[in-house]
Amino acid sequence: MRRSERLLPKLPLFAVIIVVAMLAGWWMAHQSNPKPTGVESGESLPMPVAEERVVHLYFSDQRDEAYLVAEQRVMAPPVDDTVFGRWLVAQLVSGPQQGAGGRTLPKDALLSAFFITDKGKAIVDFASESFAAHPGGIRAELLSIYSVVNTLVMNVTSIRSVKFLIDGREAETLAGHVDLQDPFEVDMMWVR
């Protein structure tokens, strides 16, 4: 028997041994240096950074206070819709910054609570003394209401309507004129 004839049956066995050795080496390399996934390592995964966004706040027009005008502001991405909604109402209470609009909520209005239901209704609860300094009149009250409603609905995707409460209870009006029993939906007819 020639030497080449004796090696021929051993060649497939030699190829299998080399493939198994390569696979074992690959497996060992990955076991000794695993990549943490965050969940397994206890660390949080880095989240992609969202860009700042533009929001529109609705204040009364300064000339005759008959309509709402939009004021644009740039903000950091919101943590969640509830935090975002509270921030928007706080900005309305703070008043306009760019001089084109007028205040729609008293400067000492106090937001007691804010949350969003599963059906997209924002509950905006003001403290009872919040509207003691309201200028009064049906138009001023409607501007206050739609300033809040339009700002929330147009900027927060999960909000479809807004229900006003005073001290955690249903109130008849904010300042004596507009019925607050039902939630309000956006009304862009107030905007110029």
C-alpha atoms as a PDB file:
ATOM      1  CA  MET A   1       0.000   0.000   0.000  1.00  0.00           C
ATOM      2  CA  ARG A   2       1.313   3.370  -0.902  1.00  0.00           C
ATOM      3  CA  ARG A   3       1.699   6.159   1.562  1.00  0.00           C
ATOM      4  CA  SER A   4      -0.904   8.416  -0.162  1.00  0.00           C
ATOM      5  CA  GLU A   5      -3.454   5.637  -0.029  1.00  0.00           C
ATOM      6  CA  ARG A   6      -3.000   5.372   3.750  1.00  0.00           C
ATOM      7  CA  LEU A   7      -3.517   9.148   4.303  1.00  0.00           C
ATOM      8  CA  LEU A   8      -6.623   9.446   2.114  1.00  0.00           C
ATOM      9  CA  PRO A   9      -9.079   7.937   4.665  1.00  0.00           C
ATOM     10  CA  LYS A  10      -7.655  10.197   7.426  1.00  0.00           C
ATOM     11  CA  LEU A  11      -8.100  13.455   5.441  1.00  0.00           C
ATOM     12  CA  PRO A  12     -11.847  13.932   6.229  1.00  0.00           C
ATOM     13  CA  LEU A  13     -11.166  13.241   9.907  1.00  0.00           C
ATOM     14  CA  PHE A  14      -8.392  15.872   9.898  1.00  0.00           C
ATOM     15  CA  ALA A  15     -10.755  18.470   8.275  1.00  0.00           C
ATOM     16  CA  VAL A  16     -13.433  17.822  10.909  1.00  0.00           C
ATOM     17  CA  ILE A  17     -10.884  18.283  13.714  1.00  0.00           C
ATOM     18  CA  ILE A  18      -9.755  21.647  12.266  1.00  0.00           C
ATOM     19  CA  VAL A  19     -13.364  22.918  11.938  1.00  0.00           C
ATOM     20  CA  VAL A  20     -14.202  21.834  15.498  1.00  0.00           C
ATOM     21  CA  ALA A  21     -11.046  23.557  16.803  1.00  0.00           C
ATOM     22  CA  MET A  22     -11.964  26.816  14.997  1.00  0.00           C
ATOM     23  CA  LEU A  23     -15.535  26.752  16.365  1.00  0.00           C
ATOM     24  CA  ALA A  24     -14.260  26.039  19.887  1.00  0.00           C
ATOM     25  CA  GLY A  25     -11.837  28.965  19.638  1.00  0.00           C
ATOM     26  CA  TRP A  26     -14.596  31.315  18.440  1.00  0.00           C
ATOM     27  CA  TRP A  27     -16.931  30.198  21.236  1.00  0.00           C
ATOM     28  CA  MET A  28     -14.259  30.655  23.908  1.00  0.00           C
ATOM     29  CA  ALA A  29     -13.384  34.120  22.623  1.00  0.00           C
ATOM     30  CA  HIS A  30     -17.008  35.243  22.888  1.00  0.00           C
ATOM     31  CA  GLN A  31     -17.470  33.696  26.324  1.00  0.00           C
ATOM     32  CA  SER A  32     -14.444  35.394  27.822  1.00  0.00           C
ATOM     33  CA  ASN A  33     -15.404  38.884  26.580  1.00  0.00           C
ATOM     34  CA  PRO A  34     -19.213  39.189  26.496  1.00  0.00           C
ATOM     35  CA  LYS A  35     -20.727  42.489  25.448  1.00  0.00           C
ATOM     36  CA  PRO A  36     -23.007  43.921  28.176  1.00  0.00           C
ATOM     37  CA  THR A  37     -26.538  44.595  27.037  1.00  0.00           C
ATOM     38  CA  GLY A  38     -27.518  46.950  29.830  1.00  0.00           C
ATOM     39  CA  VAL A  39     -30.275  44.725  31.180  1.00  0.00           C
ATOM     40  CA  GLU A  40     -27.832  41.960  32.127  1.00  0.00           C
ATOM     41  CA  SER A  41     -25.138  44.321  33.394  1.00  0.00           C
ATOM     42  CA  GLY A  42     -27.511  46.455  35.468  1.00  0.00           C
ATOM     43  CA  GLU A  43     -26.613  49.569  33.494  1.00  0.00           C
ATOM     44  CA  SER A  44     -29.033  51.446  31.308  1.00  0.00           C
ATOM     45  CA  LEU A  45     -28.514  51.502  27.597  1.00  0.00           C
ATOM     46  CA  PRO A  46     -27.712  54.883  26.115  1.00  0.00           C
ATOM     47  CA  MET A  47     -30.819  56.384  24.564  1.00  0.00           C
ATOM     48  CA  PRO A  48     -30.618  58.311  21.341  1.00  0.00           C
ATOM     49  CA  VAL A  49     -30.731  62.024  22.078  1.00  0.00           C
ATOM     50  CA  ALA A  50     -33.780  63.671  20.603  1.00  0.00           C
ATOM     51  CA  GLU A  51     -33.483  67.112  19.191  1.00  0.00           C
ATOM     52  CA  GLU A  52     -35.144  70.091  20.794  1.00  0.00           C
ATOM     53  CA  ARG A  53     -38.674  70.755  19.671  1.00  0.00           C
ATOM     54  CA  VAL A  54     -40.747  73.816  18.925  1.00  0.00           C
ATOM     55  CA  VAL A  55     -43.990  74.274  20.837  1.00  0.00           C
ATOM     56  CA  HIS A  56     -46.783  76.792  20.328  1.00  0.00           C
ATOM     57  CA  LEU A  57     -48.285  78.540  23.338  1.00  0.00           C
ATOM     58  CA  TYR A  58     -51.499  80.479  22.833  1.00  0.00           C
ATOM     59  CA  PHE A  59     -51.826  83.905  24.456  1.00  0.00           C
ATOM     60  CA  SER A  60     -54.312  86.713  23.817  1.00  0.00           C
ATOM     61  CA  ASP A  61     -53.528  89.282  21.172  1.00  0.00           C
ATOM     62  CA  GLN A  62     -52.298  92.495  22.796  1.00  0.00           C
ATOM     63  CA  ARG A  63     -54.213  94.925  20.650  1.00  0.00           C
ATOM     64  CA  ASP A  64     -57.822  94.191  21.529  1.00  0.00           C
ATOM     65  CA  GLU A  65     -57.570  90.899  23.467  1.00  0.00           C
ATOM     66  CA  ALA A  66     -60.215  89.316  21.240  1.00  0.00           C
ATOM     67  CA  TYR A  67     -58.239  86.368  19.848  1.00  0.00           C
ATOM     68  CA  LEU A  68     -55.351  84.059  20.595  1.00  0.00           C
ATOM     69  CA  VAL A  69     -51.933  84.322  18.991  1.00  0.00           C
ATOM     70  CA  ALA A  70     -49.282  81.610  18.965  1.00  0.00           C
ATOM     71  CA  GLU A  71     -45.909  82.153  20.562  1.00  0.00           C
ATOM     72  CA  GLN A  72     -43.202  79.692  19.593  1.00  0.00           C
ATOM     73  CA  ARG A  73     -40.736  78.371  22.126  1.00  0.00           C
ATOM     74  CA  VAL A  74     -37.982  75.831  21.864  1.00  0.00           C
ATOM     75  CA  MET A  75     -37.733  73.227  24.590  1.00  0.00           C
ATOM     76  CA  ALA A  76     -35.826  70.089  25.438  1.00  0.00           C
ATOM     77  CA  PRO A  77     -37.643  66.848  24.637  1.00  0.00           C
ATOM     78  CA  PRO A  78     -40.323  66.095  27.250  1.00  0.00           C
ATOM     79  CA  VAL A  79     -39.887  63.245  29.716  1.00  0.00           C
ATOM     80  CA  ASP A  80     -43.471  62.138  29.194  1.00  0.00           C
ATOM     81  CA  ASP A  81     -46.798  63.680  28.193  1.00  0.00           C
ATOM     82  CA  THR A  82     -47.912  64.435  31.766  1.00  0.00           C
ATOM     83  CA  VAL A  83     -44.705  66.291  32.630  1.00  0.00           C
ATOM     84  CA  PHE A  84     -44.913  68.051  29.267  1.00  0.00           C
ATOM     85  CA  GLY A  85     -48.534  69.120  29.875  1.00  0.00           C
ATOM     86  CA  ARG A  86     -47.704  70.518  33.318  1.00  0.00           C
ATOM     87  CA  TRP A  87     -44.783  72.440  31.799  1.00  0.00           C
ATOM     88  CA  LEU A  88     -47.042  73.926  29.104  1.00  0.00           C
ATOM     89  CA  VAL A  89     -49.618  75.135  31.650  1.00  0.00           C
ATOM     90  CA  ALA A  90     -46.816  76.597  33.795  1.00  0.00           C
ATOM     91  CA  GLN A  91     -45.561  78.495  30.741  1.00  0.00           C
ATOM     92  CA  LEU A  92     -49.056  79.915  30.157  1.00  0.00           C
ATOM     93  CA  VAL A  93     -49.172  81.070  33.775  1.00  0.00           C
ATOM     94  CA  SER A  94     -45.729  82.683  33.369  1.00  0.00           C
ATOM     95  CA  GLY A  95     -47.084  84.679  30.442  1.00  0.00           C
ATOM     96  CA  PRO A  96     -45.755  85.597  27.015  1.00  0.00           C
ATOM     97  CA  GLN A  97     -42.056  86.260  26.469  1.00  0.00           C
ATOM     98  CA  GLN A  98     -41.948  87.689  22.959  1.00  0.00           C
ATOM     99  CA  GLY A  99     -44.202  90.722  23.361  1.00  0.00           C
ATOM    100  CA  ALA A 100     -46.763  89.773  20.702  1.00  0.00           C
ATOM    101  CA  GLY A 101     -49.284  88.276  23.101  1.00  0.00           C
ATOM    102  CA  GLY A 102     -51.008  89.127  26.343  1.00  0.00           C
ATOM    103  CA  ARG A 103     -51.564  87.098  29.480  1.00  0.00           C
ATOM    104  CA  THR A 104     -54.532  84.678  29.459  1.00  0.00           C
ATOM    105  CA  LEU A 105     -54.138  83.264  32.971  1.00  0.00           C
ATOM    106  CA  PRO A 106     -53.560  85.265  36.152  1.00  0.00           C
ATOM    107  CA  LYS A 107     -49.875  85.398  37.069  1.00  0.00           C
ATOM    108  CA  ASP A 108     -50.546  83.775  40.435  1.00  0.00           C
ATOM    109  CA  ALA A 109     -52.704  80.942  39.076  1.00  0.00           C
ATOM    110  CA  LEU A 110     -51.680  77.712  40.784  1.00  0.00           C
ATOM    111  CA  LEU A 111     -51.925  74.336  39.067  1.00  0.00           C
ATOM    112  CA  SER A 112     -52.809  71.822  41.796  1.00  0.00           C
ATOM    113  CA  ALA A 113     -52.855  68.682  39.646  1.00  0.00           C
ATOM    114  CA  PHE A 114     -52.524  67.575  36.066  1.00  0.00           C
ATOM    115  CA  PHE A 115     -53.012  64.155  34.525  1.00  0.00           C
ATOM    116  CA  ILE A 116     -54.121  62.520  31.289  1.00  0.00           C
ATOM    117  CA  THR A 117     -56.709  59.737  31.145  1.00  0.00           C
ATOM    118  CA  ASP A 118     -56.439  56.662  28.925  1.00  0.00           C
ATOM    119  CA  LYS A 119     -59.009  58.221  26.601  1.00  0.00           C
ATOM    120  CA  GLY A 120     -56.909  61.340  25.984  1.00  0.00           C
ATOM    121  CA  LYS A 121     -58.648  63.729  28.362  1.00  0.00           C
ATOM    122  CA  ALA A 122     -56.328  66.090  30.223  1.00  0.00           C
ATOM    123  CA  ILE A 123     -57.526  66.981  33.710  1.00  0.00           C
ATOM    124  CA  VAL A 124     -56.320  70.459  34.649  1.00  0.00           C
ATOM    125  CA  ASP A 125     -56.950  71.213  38.324  1.00  0.00           C
ATOM    126  CA  PHE A 126     -56.353  74.778  39.527  1.00  0.00           C
ATOM    127  CA  ALA A 127     -56.385  75.973  43.130  1.00  0.00           C
ATOM    128  CA  SER A 128     -59.508  77.973  44.040  1.00  0.00           C
ATOM    129  CA  GLU A 129     -57.671  81.294  44.438  1.00  0.00           C
ATOM    130  CA  SER A 130     -56.167  81.005  40.936  1.00  0.00           C
ATOM    131  CA  PHE A 131     -58.863  83.066  39.232  1.00  0.00           C
ATOM    132  CA  ALA A 132     -59.534  85.667  41.943  1.00  0.00           C
ATOM    133  CA  ALA A 133     -57.528  88.187  39.863  1.00  0.00           C
ATOM    134  CA  HIS A 134     -59.107  87.162  36.539  1.00  0.00           C
ATOM    135  CA  PRO A 135     -60.255  90.257  34.597  1.00  0.00           C
ATOM    136  CA  GLY A 136     -63.721  88.755  34.111  1.00  0.00           C
ATOM    137  CA  GLY A 137     -66.075  88.905  31.163  1.00  0.00           C
ATOM    138  CA  ILE A 138     -67.120  86.096  28.892  1.00  0.00           C
ATOM    139  CA  ARG A 139     -64.519  86.795  26.186  1.00  0.00           C
ATOM    140  CA  ALA A 140     -61.626  86.917  28.685  1.00  0.00           C
ATOM    141  CA  GLU A 141     -62.828  83.678  30.256  1.00  0.00           C
ATOM    142  CA  LEU A 142     -63.118  81.966  26.848  1.00  0.00           C
ATOM    143  CA  LEU A 143     -59.601  83.153  25.967  1.00  0.00           C
ATOM    144  CA  SER A 144     -58.317  81.654  29.231  1.00  0.00           C
ATOM    145  CA  ILE A 145     -60.019  78.336  28.523  1.00  0.00           C
ATOM    146  CA  TYR A 146     -58.969  78.036  24.881  1.00  0.00           C
ATOM    147  CA  SER A 147     -55.462  79.240  25.659  1.00  0.00           C
ATOM    148  CA  VAL A 148     -55.046  76.148  27.846  1.00  0.00           C
ATOM    149  CA  VAL A 149     -57.040  73.782  25.615  1.00  0.00           C
ATOM    150  CA  ASN A 150     -55.387  74.738  22.320  1.00  0.00           C
ATOM    151  CA  THR A 151     -51.901  74.756  23.849  1.00  0.00           C
ATOM    152  CA  LEU A 152     -52.335  71.274  25.320  1.00  0.00           C
ATOM    153  CA  VAL A 153     -54.154  69.591  22.419  1.00  0.00           C
ATOM    154  CA  MET A 154     -51.953  71.082  19.697  1.00  0.00           C
ATOM    155  CA  ASN A 155     -48.668  70.159  21.434  1.00  0.00           C
ATOM    156  CA  VAL A 156     -49.297  66.896  23.320  1.00  0.00           C
ATOM    157  CA  THR A 157     -50.216  64.039  20.999  1.00  0.00           C
ATOM    158  CA  SER A 158     -52.009  61.983  23.656  1.00  0.00           C
ATOM    159  CA  ILE A 159     -54.428  64.805  24.605  1.00  0.00           C
ATOM    160  CA  ARG A 160     -57.744  65.094  22.742  1.00  0.00           C
ATOM    161  CA  SER A 161     -59.778  67.208  25.198  1.00  0.00           C
ATOM    162  CA  VAL A 162     -59.362  69.163  28.436  1.00  0.00           C
ATOM    163  CA  LYS A 163     -61.477  69.076  31.588  1.00  0.00           C
ATOM    164  CA  PHE A 164     -61.089  71.879  34.137  1.00  0.00           C
ATOM    165  CA  LEU A 165     -61.380  71.314  37.879  1.00  0.00           C
ATOM    166  CA  ILE A 166     -61.065  73.761  40.761  1.00  0.00           C
ATOM    167  CA  ASP A 167     -59.649  72.366  44.023  1.00  0.00           C
ATOM    168  CA  GLY A 168     -60.121  68.811  42.765  1.00  0.00           C
ATOM    169  CA  ARG A 169     -63.842  69.232  42.107  1.00  0.00           C
ATOM    170  CA  GLU A 170     -65.995  70.062  39.152  1.00  0.00           C
ATOM    171  CA  ALA A 171     -66.631  73.789  39.002  1.00  0.00           C
ATOM    172  CA  GLU A 172     -69.376  75.687  37.267  1.00  0.00           C
ATOM    173  CA  THR A 173     -67.057  78.340  35.776  1.00  0.00           C
ATOM    174  CA  LEU A 174     -63.547  79.764  35.972  1.00  0.00           C
ATOM    175  CA  ALA A 175     -64.676  83.358  36.485  1.00  0.00           C
ATOM    176  CA  GLY A 176     -68.461  83.327  36.416  1.00  0.00           C
ATOM    177  CA  HIS A 177     -69.409  82.925  32.732  1.00  0.00           C
ATOM    178  CA  VAL A 178     -68.407  79.772  30.815  1.00  0.00           C
ATOM    179  CA  ASP A 179     -69.872  76.396  31.821  1.00  0.00           C
ATOM    180  CA  LEU A 180     -67.089  73.947  32.735  1.00  0.00           C
ATOM    181  CA  GLN A 181     -69.204  70.818  33.129  1.00  0.00           C
ATOM    182  CA  ASP A 182     -68.028  69.203  29.881  1.00  0.00           C
ATOM    183  CA  PRO A 183     -64.490  68.803  28.556  1.00  0.00           C
ATOM    184  CA  PHE A 184     -63.315  71.224  25.859  1.00  0.00           C
ATOM    185  CA  GLU A 185     -61.829  70.265  22.500  1.00  0.00           C
ATOM    186  CA  VAL A 186     -59.458  72.353  20.430  1.00  0.00           C
ATOM    187  CA  ASP A 187     -61.029  75.351  18.673  1.00  0.00           C
ATOM    188  CA  MET A 188     -58.687  77.090  16.259  1.00  0.00           C
ATOM    189  CA  MET A 189     -61.352  79.693  15.416  1.00  0.00           C
ATOM    190  CA  TRP A 190     -59.976  81.611  18.418  1.00  0.00           C
ATOM    191  CA  VAL A 191     -56.535  81.836  16.836  1.00  0.00           C
ATOM    192  CA  ARG A 192     -55.450  84.671  14.488  1.00  0.00           C
END
